């Protein structure tokens, strides 16, 4: 079987980072880990080619070669995902789909013409699909029906199918699932609330494979909550600490974790020992009432600002996610989020309006209350809220646009970045950086744009020289974060333009509010008179 693996386009988003990765001559931020894992699970007697549409177009030769087309993707990739199904069908190809988007919204790819729906986790449903192919079945829907696979049996992903030079950061996975119950989150819907982990030997074998393929650099551990199973994570990190030292620290790591990481000093120390550089925290909002209502109780047990400071002081650079539009949210939520981010000096904050994602607890509650809007869900930052909130949509949207614009003001961004690095605990290992022409060109471009052309020039040089004098070990990372500003300066304008356009359309089509009861009485009495 000749299988063409296709990964759909991402729209411009918070994570797309086009202007940043362009500096270092990369085409996409991260590779499609799901598809290279699928390729490892399917029979190795089959032949595979992978095309990431964020890196290159599908050629006529690749279309002609394929007997089967397999797509995987997330809801944000929906538009290109459905168009690729239709194009494959137009060419007479059999199409199979899987991944988070088809699993939560199977009717959409099915309606676009997909022949096989390989839903839930592939370790269970891919063998079902293979059996159906061997029986000669031309279509089918394959579900795990609540069963969760033992990920200690998951093979090493087929990293060899990737153009490793095209990506800024590699991706691997240690665990699936999260122990918490946040109402808006689809991770617990997809993967459950009992975190399942690979063995340390498995993960180290994946790192060995990347070394064999001559990859060195940043790796994103894409676990939605890396510390969901703290016992197993510590076992992994103790083994990884030895492996990293033996191999002279060829990788640095980024991951996502819950805020309770701040309460476990041993865990933070182990992460820093293993060369973890960045951790993404789902903070969502500093408003405790909203956190309680959305069942994110883990963020209410300790001071959020103190937790961020503790993680930063330990030596982990903090990125964080924030959301507006929770039920009961009071006016000024955007300002309160900006104040929190400024207070804690978080340079990069993912900021969006709340979306009710399919099959989440939030989705089901709003559906029961009749508050879901047509058009589905989209987790991009340029999308209006997709349900009827408890305060006016226009109020939320305008606060959101203003907050996003303020956060990524060049001077404010540089201020936060400098303050964050001044608080950041020092790295424990001197890892030699590869200095080549691409790196030199990127540094010169940054210094020209931010140190000469822009109004932030004095702030840039002042911050840089102070860090060189006081914390020289973090200067390289300071340049990396400054490079992200290239993306956000453009993206904040995109957010403003697209949200304002959607809001104008929404206000034009907004139904007139129902009259209050006392108004109805007055109207009726006037009619009688």
Protein backbone atom coordinates (compact mmCIF):
# COMPACT_ATOMS: atom_id res chain seq x y z
CA UNK A 1 0.00 0.00 0.00
CA UNK A 2 1.37 3.41 -1.01
CA UNK A 3 0.21 5.94 1.58
CA UNK A 4 0.42 9.71 1.22
CA UNK A 5 0.28 11.38 4.65
CA UNK A 6 -1.01 14.96 4.43
CA UNK A 7 -0.89 17.64 7.11
CA UNK A 8 -3.17 20.65 6.43
CA UNK A 9 -2.27 24.31 6.53
CA UNK A 10 -2.42 26.35 9.71
CA UNK A 11 -3.90 29.83 9.32
CA UNK A 12 -1.88 32.73 10.67
CA UNK A 13 -2.19 32.41 14.43
CA UNK A 14 -0.48 33.11 17.72
CA UNK A 15 1.64 29.97 17.20
CA UNK A 16 2.43 30.26 13.48
CA UNK A 17 5.38 32.62 14.10
CA UNK A 18 6.05 33.24 10.39
CA UNK A 19 8.16 36.36 10.88
CA UNK A 20 10.19 34.72 13.64
CA UNK A 21 11.04 31.41 11.95
CA UNK A 22 11.79 33.29 8.74
CA UNK A 23 14.76 34.84 10.56
CA UNK A 24 16.37 31.42 10.99
CA UNK A 25 15.41 30.10 7.55
CA UNK A 26 12.77 27.65 8.78
CA UNK A 27 9.38 26.99 7.16
CA UNK A 28 7.24 25.83 10.10
CA UNK A 29 7.40 25.90 13.87
CA UNK A 30 6.85 22.19 14.57
CA UNK A 31 6.31 18.95 12.61
CA UNK A 32 3.14 16.78 12.55
CA UNK A 33 4.03 14.37 15.35
CA UNK A 34 0.67 12.62 15.04
CA UNK A 35 1.23 11.63 11.42
CA UNK A 36 4.76 10.29 11.95
CA UNK A 37 3.38 8.25 14.87
CA UNK A 38 0.59 6.93 12.62
CA UNK A 39 3.24 5.91 10.08
CA UNK A 40 5.07 3.97 12.81
CA UNK A 41 1.90 2.10 13.89
CA UNK A 42 0.75 1.13 10.39
CA UNK A 43 2.34 -1.95 8.71
CA UNK A 44 5.97 -1.25 7.89
CA UNK A 45 5.55 -3.20 4.65
CA UNK A 46 3.51 -0.22 3.40
CA UNK A 47 5.28 2.70 1.71
CA UNK A 48 4.90 6.24 3.07
CA UNK A 49 5.42 9.77 1.88
CA UNK A 50 4.61 12.76 4.08
CA UNK A 51 3.71 16.25 2.90
CA UNK A 52 3.30 18.99 5.46
CA UNK A 53 1.39 21.73 3.62
CA UNK A 54 2.98 24.28 5.95
CA UNK A 55 6.33 23.33 4.40
CA UNK A 56 5.56 22.44 0.77
CA UNK A 57 2.78 21.86 -1.75
CA UNK A 58 1.65 18.39 -2.80
CA UNK A 59 3.21 17.64 -6.19
CA UNK A 60 1.47 15.92 -9.08
CA UNK A 61 3.98 13.07 -8.75
CA UNK A 62 2.98 12.57 -5.09
CA UNK A 63 -0.73 12.56 -5.93
CA UNK A 64 -0.13 10.04 -8.74
CA UNK A 65 2.00 7.81 -6.52
CA UNK A 66 -0.59 7.51 -3.72
CA UNK A 67 -3.04 4.64 -3.41
CA UNK A 68 -4.36 5.92 -0.08
CA UNK A 69 -4.39 9.42 1.43
CA UNK A 70 -4.37 9.81 5.23
CA UNK A 71 -4.96 13.17 6.91
CA UNK A 72 -4.68 14.23 10.53
CA UNK A 73 -5.18 17.65 12.06
CA UNK A 74 -6.69 19.98 14.62
CA UNK A 75 -9.81 22.10 14.47
CA UNK A 76 -7.84 25.23 13.60
CA UNK A 77 -6.75 23.44 10.37
CA UNK A 78 -10.36 22.67 9.42
CA UNK A 79 -10.59 24.68 6.18
CA UNK A 80 -7.58 23.14 4.45
CA UNK A 81 -8.36 19.72 5.97
CA UNK A 82 -11.76 19.56 4.25
CA UNK A 83 -10.39 20.97 0.98
CA UNK A 84 -7.66 18.30 0.89
CA UNK A 85 -10.28 15.55 1.33
CA UNK A 86 -12.26 16.96 -1.59
CA UNK A 87 -9.15 17.27 -3.77
CA UNK A 88 -8.11 13.68 -3.03
CA UNK A 89 -11.60 12.41 -3.86
CA UNK A 90 -11.60 14.44 -7.08
CA UNK A 91 -8.46 12.54 -8.03
CA UNK A 92 -10.10 9.19 -7.28
CA UNK A 93 -8.11 8.43 -4.10
CA UNK A 94 -9.32 6.58 -1.03
CA UNK A 95 -9.18 8.92 1.98
CA UNK A 96 -8.76 8.09 5.67
CA UNK A 97 -8.83 10.74 8.40
CA UNK A 98 -7.99 10.86 12.09
CA UNK A 99 -6.71 13.11 14.84
CA UNK A 100 -8.34 15.60 17.22
CA UNK A 101 -10.53 17.43 14.67
CA UNK A 102 -12.22 14.35 13.10
CA UNK A 103 -12.58 12.72 16.52
CA UNK A 104 -14.60 15.63 17.93
CA UNK A 105 -16.44 16.53 14.70
CA UNK A 106 -16.61 13.34 12.56
CA UNK A 107 -19.64 14.46 10.54
CA UNK A 108 -17.65 17.25 8.86
CA UNK A 109 -14.84 15.19 7.22
CA UNK A 110 -17.39 12.46 6.49
CA UNK A 111 -19.54 15.04 4.70
CA UNK A 112 -16.50 16.17 2.69
CA UNK A 113 -16.10 12.62 1.36
CA UNK A 114 -13.70 10.77 3.70
CA UNK A 115 -13.99 7.00 3.26
CA UNK A 116 -12.47 5.90 6.57
CA UNK A 117 -12.79 7.67 9.92
CA UNK A 118 -10.01 6.46 12.25
CA UNK A 119 -11.12 8.17 15.45
CA UNK A 120 -9.88 8.32 19.05
CA UNK A 121 -6.33 7.07 19.71
CA UNK A 122 -4.60 5.33 16.83
CA UNK A 123 -2.93 2.56 18.82
CA UNK A 124 -6.43 1.03 19.11
CA UNK A 125 -8.21 2.17 15.95
CA UNK A 126 -5.42 1.94 13.33
CA UNK A 127 -5.22 -1.89 13.62
CA UNK A 128 -9.02 -1.95 13.08
CA UNK A 129 -8.53 0.12 9.93
CA UNK A 130 -5.76 -2.18 8.66
CA UNK A 131 -7.96 -5.24 9.22
CA UNK A 132 -10.79 -3.59 7.27
CA UNK A 133 -8.41 -2.85 4.38
CA UNK A 134 -7.23 -6.46 4.39
CA UNK A 135 -10.88 -7.61 4.22
CA UNK A 136 -11.40 -5.40 1.20
CA UNK A 137 -13.80 -2.97 2.91
CA UNK A 138 -14.10 0.33 1.05
CA UNK A 139 -15.26 2.46 4.00
CA UNK A 140 -15.65 2.38 7.76
CA UNK A 141 -15.74 4.20 11.07
CA UNK A 142 -13.34 2.93 13.74
CA UNK A 143 -13.78 3.96 17.39
CA UNK A 144 -12.16 2.91 20.66
CA UNK A 145 -15.48 3.14 22.56
CA UNK A 146 -13.88 4.55 25.69
CA UNK A 147 -10.83 2.26 25.73
CA UNK A 148 -7.48 4.01 26.23
CA UNK A 149 -4.27 2.48 24.89
CA UNK A 150 -1.20 1.59 26.88
CA UNK A 151 1.27 4.11 25.44
CA UNK A 152 4.23 2.01 26.58
CA UNK A 153 3.49 0.00 23.41
CA UNK A 154 3.65 3.04 21.09
CA UNK A 155 6.55 2.70 18.61
CA UNK A 156 9.18 5.34 17.91
CA UNK A 157 7.67 7.87 15.46
CA UNK A 158 8.92 7.80 11.87
CA UNK A 159 11.00 10.96 12.22
CA UNK A 160 12.83 9.93 9.04
CA UNK A 161 9.78 10.96 6.99
CA UNK A 162 10.26 14.60 8.02
CA UNK A 163 12.41 17.28 6.46
CA UNK A 164 14.11 18.08 9.76
CA UNK A 165 15.72 21.23 8.37
CA UNK A 166 12.27 22.74 7.71
CA UNK A 167 11.28 22.96 11.38
CA UNK A 168 12.35 25.32 14.12
CA UNK A 169 11.49 22.86 16.92
CA UNK A 170 11.04 19.08 17.05
CA UNK A 171 8.11 17.41 18.86
CA UNK A 172 7.88 14.31 21.04
CA UNK A 173 5.32 13.09 23.59
CA UNK A 174 5.68 11.47 27.00
CA UNK A 175 2.12 11.38 28.33
CA UNK A 176 -1.54 11.68 27.38
CA UNK A 177 -4.38 12.84 29.60
CA UNK A 178 -4.76 15.34 32.44
CA UNK A 179 -6.06 14.80 35.99
CA UNK A 180 -8.00 18.08 36.14
CA UNK A 181 -11.56 18.89 35.03
CA UNK A 182 -11.49 22.34 33.38
CA UNK A 183 -14.92 22.80 31.82
CA UNK A 184 -13.69 24.29 28.52
CA UNK A 185 -10.86 21.81 27.85
CA UNK A 186 -11.12 19.12 25.16
CA UNK A 187 -7.97 17.28 26.25
CA UNK A 188 -9.80 15.30 28.91
CA UNK A 189 -12.48 14.49 26.31
CA UNK A 190 -9.88 13.18 23.85
CA UNK A 191 -7.43 11.50 26.23
CA UNK A 192 -9.12 11.11 29.61
CA UNK A 193 -8.32 12.26 33.12
CA UNK A 194 -5.86 9.51 34.00
CA UNK A 195 -2.45 10.49 32.61
CA UNK A 196 -0.77 7.59 30.81
CA UNK A 197 2.98 7.76 30.29
CA UNK A 198 5.63 6.12 28.18
CA UNK A 199 8.58 4.48 29.90
CA UNK A 200 11.83 6.44 30.32
CA UNK A 201 13.50 3.91 28.00
CA UNK A 202 10.97 4.71 25.26
CA UNK A 203 11.48 8.44 25.45
CA UNK A 204 15.27 8.17 25.55
CA UNK A 205 15.10 5.87 22.50
CA UNK A 206 13.20 8.64 20.67
CA UNK A 207 15.94 11.12 21.60
CA UNK A 208 18.56 8.65 20.38
CA UNK A 209 16.72 8.35 17.07
CA UNK A 210 16.70 12.13 16.62
CA UNK A 211 20.44 12.20 17.30
CA UNK A 212 20.95 9.46 14.68
CA UNK A 213 19.13 11.70 12.20
CA UNK A 214 21.54 14.55 13.12
CA UNK A 215 18.94 16.72 14.76
CA UNK A 216 20.11 18.95 17.60
CA UNK A 217 18.18 21.86 19.06
CA UNK A 218 14.86 22.61 20.69
CA UNK A 219 12.28 19.90 21.37
CA UNK A 220 8.69 20.51 22.42
CA UNK A 221 7.35 17.83 24.75
CA UNK A 222 3.78 18.27 23.53
CA UNK A 223 2.07 16.73 26.57
CA UNK A 224 -0.92 18.88 27.46
CA UNK A 225 0.16 18.60 31.09
CA UNK A 226 3.67 17.20 31.35
CA UNK A 227 3.41 16.90 35.15
CA UNK A 228 -0.01 15.22 35.24
CA UNK A 229 1.64 12.08 36.63
CA UNK A 230 4.37 13.57 38.83
CA UNK A 231 5.70 10.23 40.04
CA UNK A 232 6.42 8.98 36.50
CA UNK A 233 7.72 12.35 35.36
CA UNK A 234 10.33 12.36 38.12
CA UNK A 235 11.42 8.84 37.18
CA UNK A 236 11.81 10.00 33.57
CA UNK A 237 13.71 13.16 34.49
CA UNK A 238 16.18 11.28 36.69
CA UNK A 239 17.01 8.99 33.77
CA UNK A 240 17.05 11.90 31.30
CA UNK A 241 19.42 13.87 33.53
CA UNK A 242 22.05 11.13 33.18
CA UNK A 243 21.43 10.71 29.44
CA UNK A 244 21.69 14.43 28.74
CA UNK A 245 24.98 14.72 30.63
CA UNK A 246 26.43 11.70 28.79
CA UNK A 247 25.46 13.22 25.44
CA UNK A 248 26.65 16.75 26.32
CA UNK A 249 23.19 18.33 26.28
CA UNK A 250 22.29 18.14 22.58
CA UNK A 251 18.71 19.31 23.18
CA UNK A 252 16.77 21.94 25.07
CA UNK A 253 13.13 21.35 25.99
CA UNK A 254 9.84 23.21 26.09
CA UNK A 255 6.65 21.80 27.59
CA UNK A 256 3.24 22.59 29.07
CA UNK A 257 2.37 22.15 32.75
CA UNK A 258 -0.20 23.06 35.35
CA UNK A 259 0.54 25.92 37.75
CA UNK A 260 0.97 23.54 40.69
CA UNK A 261 4.46 22.90 39.29
CA UNK A 262 5.45 25.87 41.48
CA UNK A 263 4.78 23.83 44.62
CA UNK A 264 7.29 21.09 43.75
CA UNK A 265 10.85 22.37 43.97
CA UNK A 266 12.35 18.93 43.28
CA UNK A 267 10.42 18.68 40.03
CA UNK A 268 11.46 22.16 38.88
CA UNK A 269 15.10 21.43 39.74
CA UNK A 270 15.01 18.18 37.76
CA UNK A 271 13.54 19.95 34.74
CA UNK A 272 16.26 22.61 34.82
CA UNK A 273 18.92 19.87 35.26
CA UNK A 274 17.58 18.23 32.07
CA UNK A 275 17.85 21.51 30.15
CA UNK A 276 14.16 22.42 30.11
CA UNK A 277 14.11 26.09 29.18
CA UNK A 278 10.44 27.05 28.82
CA UNK A 279 7.15 25.99 30.36
CA UNK A 280 3.70 27.03 29.13
CA UNK A 281 1.14 27.56 31.91
CA UNK A 282 -2.63 27.65 31.46
CA UNK A 283 -3.40 30.57 33.78
CA UNK A 284 -6.59 31.66 31.88
CA UNK A 285 -7.58 34.57 34.14
CA UNK A 286 -6.61 36.21 37.44
CA UNK A 287 -10.36 36.36 38.32
CA UNK A 288 -10.86 33.64 40.92
CA UNK A 289 -14.65 33.54 40.45
CA UNK A 290 -14.20 32.70 36.76
CA UNK A 291 -11.62 30.01 37.57
CA UNK A 292 -14.00 28.41 40.06
CA UNK A 293 -16.97 28.54 37.68
CA UNK A 294 -14.97 26.88 34.89
CA UNK A 295 -13.70 24.24 37.38
CA UNK A 296 -10.03 25.19 37.11
CA UNK A 297 -9.69 24.73 40.84
CA UNK A 298 -5.94 24.01 40.67
CA UNK A 299 -5.38 27.70 39.88
CA UNK A 300 -7.21 28.91 42.99
CA UNK A 301 -5.20 27.09 45.66
CA UNK A 302 -2.15 29.36 45.68
CA UNK A 303 -1.27 32.88 44.58
CA UNK A 304 -0.95 32.82 40.79
CA UNK A 305 1.59 35.63 40.69
CA UNK A 306 3.74 33.96 43.37
CA UNK A 307 3.56 30.67 41.45
CA UNK A 308 4.77 32.33 38.25
CA UNK A 309 7.63 33.97 40.15
CA UNK A 310 8.63 30.67 41.76
CA UNK A 311 8.79 28.90 38.41
CA UNK A 312 10.74 31.77 36.85
CA UNK A 313 13.18 31.95 39.76
CA UNK A 314 13.80 28.21 39.41
CA UNK A 315 15.16 28.81 35.91
CA UNK A 316 12.15 28.08 33.69
CA UNK A 317 11.03 30.80 31.33
CA UNK A 318 7.26 31.17 31.56
CA UNK A 319 4.80 31.44 28.69
CA UNK A 320 1.12 31.50 29.61
CA UNK A 321 -2.40 31.26 28.21
CA UNK A 322 -5.25 33.65 29.02
CA UNK A 323 -8.95 33.62 28.08
CA UNK A 324 -11.73 36.18 28.12
CA UNK A 325 -15.47 35.52 28.09
CA UNK A 326 -16.15 33.21 31.03
CA UNK A 327 -19.67 33.28 32.46
CA UNK A 328 -20.08 35.92 35.15
CA UNK A 329 -16.99 37.80 33.99
CA UNK A 330 -17.05 41.41 35.15
CA UNK A 331 -16.19 44.41 32.92
CA UNK A 332 -12.49 45.24 32.77
CA UNK A 333 -11.32 41.61 32.45
CA UNK A 334 -8.93 42.58 29.65
CA UNK A 335 -7.28 45.25 31.78
CA UNK A 336 -6.97 42.84 34.71
CA UNK A 337 -5.23 40.27 32.51
CA UNK A 338 -2.83 42.92 31.17
CA UNK A 339 -2.06 44.06 34.73
CA UNK A 340 -1.35 40.47 35.81
CA UNK A 341 0.95 39.84 32.84
CA UNK A 342 2.82 43.09 33.46
CA UNK A 343 3.12 42.36 37.18
CA UNK A 344 4.55 38.88 36.59
CA UNK A 345 6.67 39.99 33.58
CA UNK A 346 5.49 37.14 31.35
CA UNK A 347 6.88 38.08 27.92
CA UNK A 348 4.69 35.85 25.75
CA UNK A 349 1.03 35.43 26.65
CA UNK A 350 -1.38 33.47 24.47
CA UNK A 351 -4.58 35.47 24.59
CA UNK A 352 -7.97 34.54 23.10
CA UNK A 353 -11.70 34.70 23.56
CA UNK A 354 -13.36 31.63 25.01
CA UNK A 355 -14.52 28.99 22.54
CA UNK A 356 -16.91 26.18 23.38
CA UNK A 357 -15.17 23.19 21.80
CA UNK A 358 -17.22 20.18 20.65
CA UNK A 359 -18.12 17.62 23.33
CA UNK A 360 -16.51 19.50 26.20
CA UNK A 361 -18.47 19.99 29.42
CA UNK A 362 -18.82 23.66 28.45
CA UNK A 363 -20.24 22.71 25.04
CA UNK A 364 -22.84 20.39 26.55
CA UNK A 365 -23.86 22.94 29.20
CA UNK A 366 -24.28 25.75 26.70
CA UNK A 367 -26.13 23.46 24.28
CA UNK A 368 -28.57 22.55 27.05
CA UNK A 369 -29.02 26.25 27.83
CA UNK A 370 -29.60 27.10 24.14
CA UNK A 371 -26.58 29.43 24.04
CA UNK A 372 -24.41 27.87 21.32
CA UNK A 373 -24.13 29.85 18.09
CA UNK A 374 -24.06 28.30 14.63
CA UNK A 375 -20.72 27.95 12.86
CA UNK A 376 -18.95 25.49 15.13
CA UNK A 377 -15.77 26.31 17.04
CA UNK A 378 -12.37 27.62 16.10
CA UNK A 379 -9.58 28.11 18.60
CA UNK A 380 -7.77 30.79 16.59
CA UNK A 381 -7.13 34.16 18.24
CA UNK A 382 -8.91 35.99 15.41
CA UNK A 383 -12.32 34.42 16.11
CA UNK A 384 -15.24 35.89 17.99
CA UNK A 385 -16.76 33.98 20.87
CA UNK A 386 -19.03 31.16 19.58
CA UNK A 387 -21.80 31.27 22.16
CA UNK A 388 -24.02 33.81 23.89
CA UNK A 389 -21.97 35.11 26.86
CA UNK A 390 -23.28 36.63 30.08
CA UNK A 391 -22.07 40.10 29.12
CA UNK A 392 -22.29 41.79 25.69
CA UNK A 393 -20.15 40.26 22.93
CA UNK A 394 -19.11 43.73 21.78
CA UNK A 395 -17.83 44.60 25.25
CA UNK A 396 -15.74 41.42 25.47
CA UNK A 397 -14.39 41.82 21.92
CA UNK A 398 -13.37 45.45 22.36
CA UNK A 399 -11.63 44.73 25.66
CA UNK A 400 -9.90 41.78 24.04
CA UNK A 401 -8.61 43.76 21.06
CA UNK A 402 -7.38 46.58 23.28
CA UNK A 403 -5.65 44.15 25.66
CA UNK A 404 -3.96 42.23 22.82
CA UNK A 405 -2.80 45.50 21.26
CA UNK A 406 -1.43 46.74 24.59
CA UNK A 407 0.36 43.51 25.46
CA UNK A 408 2.31 43.49 22.22
CA UNK A 409 3.22 47.14 22.15
CA UNK A 410 6.96 46.95 21.32
CA UNK A 411 8.10 48.91 24.37
CA UNK A 412 5.88 47.02 26.82
CA UNK A 413 7.03 43.73 25.32
CA UNK A 414 10.71 44.67 25.73
CA UNK A 415 10.09 45.84 29.31
CA UNK A 416 8.48 42.53 30.27
CA UNK A 417 11.17 40.54 28.50
CA UNK A 418 14.01 42.35 30.27
CA UNK A 419 12.29 42.09 33.68
CA UNK A 420 11.59 38.40 33.13
CA UNK A 421 15.21 37.61 32.36
CA UNK A 422 16.38 39.59 35.36
CA UNK A 423 14.21 37.33 37.55
CA UNK A 424 15.03 34.12 35.67
CA UNK A 425 17.18 31.56 37.47
CA UNK A 426 20.45 30.89 35.66
CA UNK A 427 20.89 27.80 33.46
CA UNK A 428 22.97 25.10 35.08
CA UNK A 429 24.74 23.82 31.98
CA UNK A 430 26.86 25.71 29.48
CA UNK A 431 25.50 24.35 26.21
CA UNK A 432 27.57 25.41 23.17
CA UNK A 433 25.43 27.17 20.56
CA UNK A 434 25.87 26.44 16.88
CA UNK A 435 27.03 29.70 15.31
CA UNK A 436 26.56 29.75 11.54
CA UNK A 437 25.74 32.33 8.91
CA UNK A 438 21.97 31.88 9.44
CA UNK A 439 22.33 32.66 13.15
CA UNK A 440 24.60 35.64 12.51
CA UNK A 441 22.20 37.01 9.89
CA UNK A 442 19.24 36.62 12.27
CA UNK A 443 21.09 38.49 15.05
CA UNK A 444 22.10 41.31 12.70
CA UNK A 445 18.54 41.60 11.41
CA UNK A 446 17.15 41.79 14.94
CA UNK A 447 19.70 44.40 15.99
CA UNK A 448 18.89 46.49 12.91
CA UNK A 449 15.10 46.31 13.29
CA UNK A 450 14.83 46.61 17.07
CA UNK A 451 18.05 48.51 17.79
CA UNK A 452 18.05 51.02 14.93
CA UNK A 453 14.76 51.29 13.02
CA UNK A 454 12.16 51.14 15.78
CA UNK A 455 11.38 53.64 18.52
CA UNK A 456 12.38 50.96 21.06
CA UNK A 457 16.04 51.25 20.01
CA UNK A 458 17.28 52.73 23.33
CA UNK A 459 15.25 50.25 25.37
CA UNK A 460 16.65 47.37 23.31
CA UNK A 461 20.31 48.34 23.68
CA UNK A 462 19.93 49.30 27.34
CA UNK A 463 18.32 45.94 28.16
CA UNK A 464 20.89 44.01 26.16
CA UNK A 465 23.93 45.69 27.74
CA UNK A 466 22.57 45.28 31.28
CA UNK A 467 21.99 41.57 30.68
CA UNK A 468 25.47 41.17 29.21
CA UNK A 469 26.91 42.77 32.35
CA UNK A 470 24.74 41.07 34.94
CA UNK A 471 23.43 37.80 33.45
CA UNK A 472 25.45 36.90 30.35
CA UNK A 473 24.21 33.29 30.38
CA UNK A 474 20.69 34.37 29.40
CA UNK A 475 21.63 36.70 26.54
CA UNK A 476 21.08 34.04 23.86
CA UNK A 477 17.58 33.34 25.16
CA UNK A 478 16.90 37.08 25.34
CA UNK A 479 17.55 37.32 21.59
CA UNK A 480 15.19 34.38 21.00
CA UNK A 481 12.34 36.12 22.82
CA UNK A 482 13.07 39.39 21.02
CA UNK A 483 12.70 37.46 17.77
CA UNK A 484 9.15 36.52 18.76
CA UNK A 485 8.29 40.22 18.76
CA UNK A 486 8.70 40.20 14.98
CA UNK A 487 5.65 37.93 14.77
CA UNK A 488 3.52 39.70 17.36
CA UNK A 489 4.02 43.18 15.93
CA UNK A 490 2.33 41.97 12.74
CA UNK A 491 -0.12 39.62 14.39
CA UNK A 492 -1.64 42.16 16.77
CA UNK A 493 -2.72 44.19 13.72
CA UNK A 494 -4.24 41.04 12.18
CA UNK A 495 -6.14 40.38 15.42
CA UNK A 496 -7.45 43.95 15.54
CA UNK A 497 -8.52 44.01 11.87
CA UNK A 498 -10.22 40.62 11.85
CA UNK A 499 -12.01 40.93 15.20
CA UNK A 500 -13.26 44.43 14.37
CA UNK A 501 -14.54 43.21 10.98
CA UNK A 502 -16.34 40.25 12.58
CA UNK A 503 -17.72 42.49 15.31
CA UNK A 504 -19.10 44.96 12.75
CA UNK A 505 -20.85 42.12 10.95
CA UNK A 506 -22.14 40.74 14.25
CA UNK A 507 -23.54 44.13 15.29
CA UNK A 508 -25.25 44.57 11.90
CA UNK A 509 -26.99 41.22 12.17
CA UNK A 510 -27.53 41.31 15.91
CA UNK A 511 -31.21 40.67 16.74
CA UNK A 512 -33.07 43.39 18.63
CA UNK A 513 -33.25 42.64 22.34
CA UNK A 514 -36.59 41.42 23.63
CA UNK A 515 -38.53 44.12 25.47
CA UNK A 516 -38.58 43.90 29.22
CA UNK A 517 -41.89 43.01 30.86
CA UNK A 518 -42.70 46.58 31.93
CA UNK A 519 -42.06 47.73 28.32
CA UNK A 520 -44.45 45.07 27.02
CA UNK A 521 -47.18 46.30 29.39
CA UNK A 522 -46.67 49.92 28.28
CA UNK A 523 -46.86 48.94 24.60
CA UNK A 524 -50.05 46.91 25.13
CA UNK A 525 -51.73 49.69 27.13
CA UNK A 526 -50.81 52.20 24.41
CA UNK A 527 -52.35 49.95 21.76
CA UNK A 528 -55.58 49.59 23.75
CA UNK A 529 -55.81 53.37 24.20
